[in-house]
Amino acid sequence: MSVPGKIKSGMELGQLFDPRRPRRLFTIGDSHSAVMRFEPGVRVLHLGPVTMHRAGRPGELVRLIARSAAGPSLAPHTDRVAGAVVRALIRSDDTFTCFFGEIDVRAHFAQHCEEYGGATEQARALARRAAEATAALAAMTGARGAFASITPPSGHLHDADFPTSGSLEARREWTILLNRELEAASSALGLDFVDFHAAYTDAAGNLDRWRADDTVHVLPRYDDHIVAALRDHDLFPVQP
């Protein structure tokens, strides 16, 4: 997925790191992080098709953000440099929200349930590690951090890189389970959990196709429930 707002030039890079810039909300994560890309005050840090499992590895979220912000040619080569880039990028008066988990539910949950000892155990482990990585990012930058709920599953996506595994019914249950564990893990670590799952769920419990594209994404023109949920947590930088 091509995400508008990706860094394209040295001038834009300078503007991104300008200490005089206004307060911003950074949306960080997989392609779902781009849903509010047309909203004022929002900066998308699209990390690529990154799973919650990967983002929860120690230090990986910071490395991915630094690479996304600086671009491949300027990608930091050490964790120390990556940390310095991220601290310069995300200020203490900013807020950020992480978007991960849809890929895990769609492509990995069914394959790894036995390894973890069950769906609940897998969801708890993924949520705990992801929340810890998000809390570490908040501690590093001084910014308020949050985790976004995972949108309902869809039966419309055919992704060669992350093929769908598990029935639609099972993926509905796993999404609800992982959201519940994310909320608990976020709360335990002082993070906000921004829940808009129900607003994009149809009568069958799937992603409402009238508010989504032909795959698994809420369309930007229907981001109002996400914006409202962020405002409820005082995370959105621009008030109506």
C-alpha atoms as a PDB file:
ATOM      1  CA  MET A   1       0.000   0.000   0.000  1.00  0.00           C
ATOM      2  CA  SER A   2       1.321   3.438  -0.931  1.00  0.00           C
ATOM      3  CA  VAL A   3       0.860   5.856   1.934  1.00  0.00           C
ATOM      4  CA  PRO A   4       0.625   9.602   1.236  1.00  0.00           C
ATOM      5  CA  GLY A   5       2.791  11.633   3.569  1.00  0.00           C
ATOM      6  CA  LYS A   6       5.864   9.423   3.348  1.00  0.00           C
ATOM      7  CA  ILE A   7       9.117  11.389   3.518  1.00  0.00           C
ATOM      8  CA  LYS A   8      10.168  12.384   0.007  1.00  0.00           C
ATOM      9  CA  SER A   9      12.795  15.107   0.298  1.00  0.00           C
ATOM     10  CA  GLY A  10      15.398  16.697   2.515  1.00  0.00           C
ATOM     11  CA  MET A  11      13.197  19.784   2.836  1.00  0.00           C
ATOM     12  CA  GLU A  12      10.285  17.718   4.090  1.00  0.00           C
ATOM     13  CA  LEU A  13      12.610  15.863   6.432  1.00  0.00           C
ATOM     14  CA  GLY A  14      13.740  19.202   7.861  1.00  0.00           C
ATOM     15  CA  GLN A  15      10.147  20.282   8.406  1.00  0.00           C
ATOM     16  CA  LEU A  16       9.387  17.019  10.181  1.00  0.00           C
ATOM     17  CA  PHE A  17      12.201  17.565  12.687  1.00  0.00           C
ATOM     18  CA  ASP A  18      11.670  21.344  13.012  1.00  0.00           C
ATOM     19  CA  PRO A  19      11.462  22.107  16.780  1.00  0.00           C
ATOM     20  CA  ARG A  20       9.139  25.062  16.015  1.00  0.00           C
ATOM     21  CA  ARG A  21       6.463  22.925  14.394  1.00  0.00           C
ATOM     22  CA  PRO A  22       2.995  22.599  16.032  1.00  0.00           C
ATOM     23  CA  ARG A  23       1.996  19.703  18.246  1.00  0.00           C
ATOM     24  CA  ARG A  24       1.240  16.539  16.285  1.00  0.00           C
ATOM     25  CA  LEU A  25      -0.453  13.194  16.560  1.00  0.00           C
ATOM     26  CA  PHE A  26       1.734  10.480  15.066  1.00  0.00           C
ATOM     27  CA  THR A  27      -0.044   7.373  13.826  1.00  0.00           C
ATOM     28  CA  ILE A  28       2.469   4.548  13.785  1.00  0.00           C
ATOM     29  CA  GLY A  29       2.199   1.056  12.390  1.00  0.00           C
ATOM     30  CA  ASP A  30       1.022  -1.009   9.458  1.00  0.00           C
ATOM     31  CA  SER A  31      -1.186   0.284   6.621  1.00  0.00           C
ATOM     32  CA  HIS A  32      -4.082   0.908   9.040  1.00  0.00           C
ATOM     33  CA  SER A  33      -2.042   3.768  10.517  1.00  0.00           C
ATOM     34  CA  ALA A  34      -2.752   5.782   7.335  1.00  0.00           C
ATOM     35  CA  VAL A  35      -6.521   6.026   7.840  1.00  0.00           C
ATOM     36  CA  MET A  36      -6.320   9.636   9.114  1.00  0.00           C
ATOM     37  CA  ARG A  37      -3.688  10.774   6.624  1.00  0.00           C
ATOM     38  CA  PHE A  38      -5.816  13.699   5.439  1.00  0.00           C
ATOM     39  CA  GLU A  39      -6.569  15.032   8.935  1.00  0.00           C
ATOM     40  CA  PRO A  40      -4.806  18.240  10.019  1.00  0.00           C
ATOM     41  CA  GLY A  41      -2.179  17.746  12.681  1.00  0.00           C
ATOM     42  CA  VAL A  42      -1.707  14.040  11.927  1.00  0.00           C
ATOM     43  CA  ARG A  43       1.595  12.609  10.733  1.00  0.00           C
ATOM     44  CA  VAL A  44       1.626   9.041   9.436  1.00  0.00           C
ATOM     45  CA  LEU A  45       4.637   6.878  10.206  1.00  0.00           C
ATOM     46  CA  HIS A  46       3.854   3.880   8.036  1.00  0.00           C
ATOM     47  CA  LEU A  47       6.295   1.130   8.973  1.00  0.00           C
ATOM     48  CA  GLY A  48       5.243  -1.273   6.233  1.00  0.00           C
ATOM     49  CA  PRO A  49       3.442  -4.604   6.662  1.00  0.00           C
ATOM     50  CA  VAL A  50       4.710  -5.039  10.216  1.00  0.00           C
ATOM     51  CA  THR A  51       3.081  -7.499  12.584  1.00  0.00           C
ATOM     52  CA  MET A  52       2.377  -6.916  16.249  1.00  0.00           C
ATOM     53  CA  HIS A  53       4.718  -9.832  16.918  1.00  0.00           C
ATOM     54  CA  ARG A  54       7.613  -8.016  15.234  1.00  0.00           C
ATOM     55  CA  ALA A  55       6.830  -4.591  16.705  1.00  0.00           C
ATOM     56  CA  GLY A  56       6.916  -6.142  20.185  1.00  0.00           C
ATOM     57  CA  ARG A  57      10.525  -7.303  19.900  1.00  0.00           C
ATOM     58  CA  PRO A  58      12.878  -5.295  22.157  1.00  0.00           C
ATOM     59  CA  GLY A  59      14.055  -2.147  20.381  1.00  0.00           C
ATOM     60  CA  GLU A  60      12.410  -3.018  17.070  1.00  0.00           C
ATOM     61  CA  LEU A  61       9.663  -0.371  17.183  1.00  0.00           C
ATOM     62  CA  VAL A  62      12.224   2.421  17.625  1.00  0.00           C
ATOM     63  CA  ARG A  63      14.366   1.058  14.778  1.00  0.00           C
ATOM     64  CA  LEU A  64      11.349   0.836  12.469  1.00  0.00           C
ATOM     65  CA  ILE A  65      10.198   4.385  13.259  1.00  0.00           C
ATOM     66  CA  ALA A  66      13.676   5.816  12.658  1.00  0.00           C
ATOM     67  CA  ARG A  67      13.883   4.002   9.328  1.00  0.00           C
ATOM     68  CA  SER A  68      10.411   5.211   8.319  1.00  0.00           C
ATOM     69  CA  ALA A  69      11.133   8.834   9.235  1.00  0.00           C
ATOM     70  CA  ALA A  70      14.648   9.105   7.845  1.00  0.00           C
ATOM     71  CA  GLY A  71      14.202   6.922   4.759  1.00  0.00           C
ATOM     72  CA  PRO A  72      16.369   3.985   3.631  1.00  0.00           C
ATOM     73  CA  SER A  73      19.347   6.144   2.647  1.00  0.00           C
ATOM     74  CA  LEU A  74      19.441   7.792   6.075  1.00  0.00           C
ATOM     75  CA  ALA A  75      18.400   4.776   8.111  1.00  0.00           C
ATOM     76  CA  PRO A  76      20.299   4.712  11.422  1.00  0.00           C
ATOM     77  CA  HIS A  77      22.752   1.868  11.806  1.00  0.00           C
ATOM     78  CA  THR A  78      22.797   1.641  15.601  1.00  0.00           C
ATOM     79  CA  ASP A  79      20.152   1.593  18.305  1.00  0.00           C
ATOM     80  CA  ARG A  80      21.728   4.682  19.870  1.00  0.00           C
ATOM     81  CA  VAL A  81      21.349   6.679  16.660  1.00  0.00           C
ATOM     82  CA  ALA A  82      17.836   5.307  16.094  1.00  0.00           C
ATOM     83  CA  GLY A  83      16.865   6.472  19.577  1.00  0.00           C
ATOM     84  CA  ALA A  84      18.258   9.944  18.919  1.00  0.00           C
ATOM     85  CA  VAL A  85      16.288  10.190  15.655  1.00  0.00           C
ATOM     86  CA  VAL A  86      13.054   9.145  17.359  1.00  0.00           C
ATOM     87  CA  ARG A  87      13.527  11.555  20.277  1.00  0.00           C
ATOM     88  CA  ALA A  88      14.094  14.404  17.806  1.00  0.00           C
ATOM     89  CA  LEU A  89      11.034  13.360  15.815  1.00  0.00           C
ATOM     90  CA  ILE A  90       8.443  12.776  18.552  1.00  0.00           C
ATOM     91  CA  ARG A  91       8.392  15.541  21.139  1.00  0.00           C
ATOM     92  CA  SER A  92       7.069  15.461  24.679  1.00  0.00           C
ATOM     93  CA  ASP A  93       4.067  17.627  23.717  1.00  0.00           C
ATOM     94  CA  ASP A  94       3.112  15.266  20.864  1.00  0.00           C
ATOM     95  CA  THR A  95       0.892  12.207  21.092  1.00  0.00           C
ATOM     96  CA  PHE A  96       1.133   8.937  19.219  1.00  0.00           C
ATOM     97  CA  THR A  97      -1.077   5.943  18.557  1.00  0.00           C
ATOM     98  CA  CYS A  98       0.116   2.522  17.388  1.00  0.00           C
ATOM     99  CA  PHE A  99      -1.817   0.459  14.851  1.00  0.00           C
ATOM    100  CA  PHE A 100      -0.844  -3.221  14.773  1.00  0.00           C
ATOM    101  CA  GLY A 101      -2.538  -6.609  14.954  1.00  0.00           C
ATOM    102  CA  GLU A 102      -4.759  -7.017  11.898  1.00  0.00           C
ATOM    103  CA  ILE A 103      -2.041  -8.958  10.043  1.00  0.00           C
ATOM    104  CA  ASP A 104      -1.402 -11.155  13.085  1.00  0.00           C
ATOM    105  CA  VAL A 105      -5.079 -12.102  13.333  1.00  0.00           C
ATOM    106  CA  ARG A 106      -5.474 -12.662   9.599  1.00  0.00           C
ATOM    107  CA  ALA A 107      -2.295 -14.559   8.829  1.00  0.00           C
ATOM    108  CA  HIS A 108      -0.600 -15.879  11.971  1.00  0.00           C
ATOM    109  CA  PHE A 109      -3.048 -16.585  14.783  1.00  0.00           C
ATOM    110  CA  ALA A 110      -4.289 -19.912  13.451  1.00  0.00           C
ATOM    111  CA  GLN A 111      -0.756 -21.175  12.887  1.00  0.00           C
ATOM    112  CA  HIS A 112       0.626 -20.305  16.328  1.00  0.00           C
ATOM    113  CA  CYS A 113      -2.203 -21.057  18.772  1.00  0.00           C
ATOM    114  CA  GLU A 114      -0.764 -24.470  19.644  1.00  0.00           C
ATOM    115  CA  GLU A 115       2.723 -23.008  20.112  1.00  0.00           C
ATOM    116  CA  TYR A 116       1.411 -20.561  22.724  1.00  0.00           C
ATOM    117  CA  GLY A 117      -0.946 -23.052  24.351  1.00  0.00           C
ATOM    118  CA  GLY A 118      -4.157 -21.523  23.046  1.00  0.00           C
ATOM    119  CA  ALA A 119      -5.687 -18.395  21.509  1.00  0.00           C
ATOM    120  CA  THR A 120      -5.999 -16.558  24.828  1.00  0.00           C
ATOM    121  CA  GLU A 121      -2.368 -17.205  25.725  1.00  0.00           C
ATOM    122  CA  GLN A 122      -1.211 -16.060  22.300  1.00  0.00           C
ATOM    123  CA  ALA A 123      -3.292 -12.870  22.466  1.00  0.00           C
ATOM    124  CA  ARG A 124      -2.024 -12.103  25.971  1.00  0.00           C
ATOM    125  CA  ALA A 125       1.620 -12.564  24.990  1.00  0.00           C
ATOM    126  CA  LEU A 126       1.307 -10.460  21.830  1.00  0.00           C
ATOM    127  CA  ALA A 127      -0.581  -7.692  23.630  1.00  0.00           C
ATOM    128  CA  ARG A 128       1.841  -7.576  26.550  1.00  0.00           C
ATOM    129  CA  ARG A 129       4.932  -7.305  24.334  1.00  0.00           C
ATOM    130  CA  ALA A 130       3.323  -4.711  22.038  1.00  0.00           C
ATOM    131  CA  ALA A 131       2.151  -2.620  24.985  1.00  0.00           C
ATOM    132  CA  GLU A 132       5.609  -2.813  26.562  1.00  0.00           C
ATOM    133  CA  ALA A 133       7.197  -1.571  23.311  1.00  0.00           C
ATOM    134  CA  THR A 134       4.657   1.271  23.127  1.00  0.00           C
ATOM    135  CA  ALA A 135       5.241   2.215  26.767  1.00  0.00           C
ATOM    136  CA  ALA A 136       9.004   2.205  26.154  1.00  0.00           C
ATOM    137  CA  LEU A 137       8.503   4.592  23.231  1.00  0.00           C
ATOM    138  CA  ALA A 138       6.408   6.886  25.445  1.00  0.00           C
ATOM    139  CA  ALA A 139       9.108   6.835  28.143  1.00  0.00           C
ATOM    140  CA  MET A 140      11.836   7.569  25.576  1.00  0.00           C
ATOM    141  CA  THR A 141      10.050  10.553  24.008  1.00  0.00           C
ATOM    142  CA  GLY A 142       7.950  11.865  26.898  1.00  0.00           C
ATOM    143  CA  ALA A 143       4.892  11.816  24.598  1.00  0.00           C
ATOM    144  CA  ARG A 144       1.541  10.310  25.537  1.00  0.00           C
ATOM    145  CA  GLY A 145       1.167   6.937  23.872  1.00  0.00           C
ATOM    146  CA  ALA A 146      -1.859   4.892  22.916  1.00  0.00           C
ATOM    147  CA  PHE A 147      -2.786   1.687  21.166  1.00  0.00           C
ATOM    148  CA  ALA A 148      -5.590   1.549  18.622  1.00  0.00           C
ATOM    149  CA  SER A 149      -8.108  -1.258  18.551  1.00  0.00           C
ATOM    150  CA  ILE A 150      -7.942  -3.744  15.695  1.00  0.00           C
ATOM    151  CA  THR A 151     -10.691  -3.418  13.116  1.00  0.00           C
ATOM    152  CA  PRO A 152     -13.026  -6.357  12.412  1.00  0.00           C
ATOM    153  CA  PRO A 153     -11.881  -8.976   9.895  1.00  0.00           C
ATOM    154  CA  SER A 154     -12.865  -9.046   6.261  1.00  0.00           C
ATOM    155  CA  GLY A 155     -13.310 -11.925   3.862  1.00  0.00           C
ATOM    156  CA  HIS A 156     -12.310  -9.869   0.830  1.00  0.00           C
ATOM    157  CA  LEU A 157      -8.496  -9.822   1.002  1.00  0.00           C
ATOM    158  CA  HIS A 158      -6.155 -12.036  -1.023  1.00  0.00           C
ATOM    159  CA  ASP A 159      -2.625 -11.219   0.125  1.00  0.00           C
ATOM    160  CA  ALA A 160       0.205 -13.369  -1.228  1.00  0.00           C
ATOM    161  CA  ASP A 161       2.640 -12.125   1.426  1.00  0.00           C
ATOM    162  CA  PHE A 162       0.259 -12.704   4.342  1.00  0.00           C
ATOM    163  CA  PRO A 163      -2.301 -15.282   3.205  1.00  0.00           C
ATOM    164  CA  THR A 164      -5.449 -15.554   5.269  1.00  0.00           C
ATOM    165  CA  SER A 165      -5.485 -18.424   7.741  1.00  0.00           C
ATOM    166  CA  GLY A 166      -8.497 -19.396   9.809  1.00  0.00           C
ATOM    167  CA  SER A 167     -12.207 -19.037   9.227  1.00  0.00           C
ATOM    168  CA  LEU A 168     -13.913 -15.666   9.247  1.00  0.00           C
ATOM    169  CA  GLU A 169     -15.782 -16.678  12.411  1.00  0.00           C
ATOM    170  CA  ALA A 170     -12.528 -17.596  14.150  1.00  0.00           C
ATOM    171  CA  ARG A 171     -10.882 -14.348  13.094  1.00  0.00           C
ATOM    172  CA  ARG A 172     -13.819 -12.374  14.488  1.00  0.00           C
ATOM    173  CA  GLU A 173     -13.307 -14.077  17.843  1.00  0.00           C
ATOM    174  CA  TRP A 174      -9.523 -13.622  17.764  1.00  0.00           C
ATOM    175  CA  THR A 175      -9.887  -9.904  16.989  1.00  0.00           C
ATOM    176  CA  ILE A 176     -12.203  -9.384  19.967  1.00  0.00           C
ATOM    177  CA  LEU A 177      -9.871 -11.442  22.166  1.00  0.00           C
ATOM    178  CA  LEU A 178      -6.755  -9.542  21.113  1.00  0.00           C
ATOM    179  CA  ASN A 179      -8.498  -6.189  21.581  1.00  0.00           C
ATOM    180  CA  ARG A 180      -9.511  -7.221  25.091  1.00  0.00           C
ATOM    181  CA  GLU A 181      -5.935  -8.223  25.944  1.00  0.00           C
ATOM    182  CA  LEU A 182      -4.565  -5.030  24.388  1.00  0.00           C
ATOM    183  CA  GLU A 183      -6.901  -2.933  26.512  1.00  0.00           C
ATOM    184  CA  ALA A 184      -5.787  -4.733  29.679  1.00  0.00           C
ATOM    185  CA  ALA A 185      -2.082  -4.550  28.820  1.00  0.00           C
ATOM    186  CA  SER A 186      -2.331  -0.874  27.845  1.00  0.00           C
ATOM    187  CA  SER A 187      -4.160   0.045  31.027  1.00  0.00           C
ATOM    188  CA  ALA A 188      -1.585  -1.780  33.161  1.00  0.00           C
ATOM    189  CA  LEU A 189       1.224   0.286  31.613  1.00  0.00           C
ATOM    190  CA  GLY A 190      -0.528   3.677  31.686  1.00  0.00           C
ATOM    191  CA  LEU A 191      -1.326   3.783  27.973  1.00  0.00           C
ATOM    192  CA  ASP A 192      -4.609   4.822  26.409  1.00  0.00           C
ATOM    193  CA  PHE A 193      -6.559   2.189  24.486  1.00  0.00           C
ATOM    194  CA  VAL A 194      -8.504   3.820  21.654  1.00  0.00           C
ATOM    195  CA  ASP A 195     -11.442   1.555  20.888  1.00  0.00           C
ATOM    196  CA  PHE A 196     -13.410   2.087  17.672  1.00  0.00           C
ATOM    197  CA  HIS A 197     -13.931  -1.584  16.763  1.00  0.00           C
ATOM    198  CA  ALA A 198     -17.713  -1.538  17.162  1.00  0.00           C
ATOM    199  CA  ALA A 199     -18.136   1.535  14.935  1.00  0.00           C
ATOM    200  CA  TYR A 200     -16.834  -0.373  11.899  1.00  0.00           C
ATOM    201  CA  THR A 201     -18.524  -3.702  12.564  1.00  0.00           C
ATOM    202  CA  ASP A 202     -21.491  -4.869  10.487  1.00  0.00           C
ATOM    203  CA  ALA A 203     -24.409  -6.964  11.737  1.00  0.00           C
ATOM    204  CA  ALA A 204     -22.449 -10.192  11.177  1.00  0.00           C
ATOM    205  CA  GLY A 205     -19.457  -8.971  13.166  1.00  0.00           C
ATOM    206  CA  ASN A 206     -17.236  -8.337  10.128  1.00  0.00           C
ATOM    207  CA  LEU A 207     -15.691  -5.154   8.749  1.00  0.00           C
ATOM    208  CA  ASP A 208     -18.461  -2.929   7.402  1.00  0.00           C
ATOM    209  CA  ARG A 209     -17.754  -3.056   3.667  1.00  0.00           C
ATOM    210  CA  TRP A 210     -19.634   0.212   3.078  1.00  0.00           C
ATOM    211  CA  ARG A 211     -16.991   2.049   5.123  1.00  0.00           C
ATOM    212  CA  ALA A 212     -14.006   0.083   3.850  1.00  0.00           C
ATOM    213  CA  ASP A 213     -11.956  -0.375   0.713  1.00  0.00           C
ATOM    214  CA  ASP A 214     -11.888  -3.658  -1.188  1.00  0.00           C
ATOM    215  CA  THR A 215      -9.462  -5.184   1.320  1.00  0.00           C
ATOM    216  CA  VAL A 216      -9.235  -4.641   5.091  1.00  0.00           C
ATOM    217  CA  HIS A 217      -8.959  -0.852   5.547  1.00  0.00           C
ATOM    218  CA  VAL A 218     -11.405   1.743   6.773  1.00  0.00           C
ATOM    219  CA  LEU A 219     -11.610   4.468   4.131  1.00  0.00           C
ATOM    220  CA  PRO A 220     -10.237   7.872   5.203  1.00  0.00           C
ATOM    221  CA  ARG A 221     -13.571   9.579   4.505  1.00  0.00           C
ATOM    222  CA  TYR A 222     -15.114   7.423   7.235  1.00  0.00           C
ATOM    223  CA  ASP A 223     -12.447   8.089   9.871  1.00  0.00           C
ATOM    224  CA  ASP A 224     -14.839  10.177  11.994  1.00  0.00           C
ATOM    225  CA  HIS A 225     -15.319   7.489  14.661  1.00  0.00           C
ATOM    226  CA  ILE A 226     -11.546   7.088  14.996  1.00  0.00           C
ATOM    227  CA  VAL A 227     -11.054  10.841  15.304  1.00  0.00           C
ATOM    228  CA  ALA A 228     -13.857  11.028  17.895  1.00  0.00           C
ATOM    229  CA  ALA A 229     -12.315   8.200  19.933  1.00  0.00           C
ATOM    230  CA  LEU A 230      -8.930   9.936  19.905  1.00  0.00           C
ATOM    231  CA  ARG A 231     -10.553  13.207  20.978  1.00  0.00           C
ATOM    232  CA  ASP A 232     -12.280  11.391  23.827  1.00  0.00           C
ATOM    233  CA  HIS A 233      -8.792  10.500  25.092  1.00  0.00           C
ATOM    234  CA  ASP A 234      -7.480  14.027  24.410  1.00  0.00           C
ATOM    235  CA  LEU A 235      -4.980  12.614  21.924  1.00  0.00           C
ATOM    236  CA  PHE A 236      -6.019  14.541  18.837  1.00  0.00           C
ATOM    237  CA  PRO A 237      -3.961  17.720  18.313  1.00  0.00           C
ATOM    238  CA  VAL A 238      -6.601  19.786  16.506  1.00  0.00           C
ATOM    239  CA  GLN A 239      -9.899  20.456  18.265  1.00  0.00           C
ATOM    240  CA  PRO A 240     -13.138  20.954  16.275  1.00  0.00           C
END
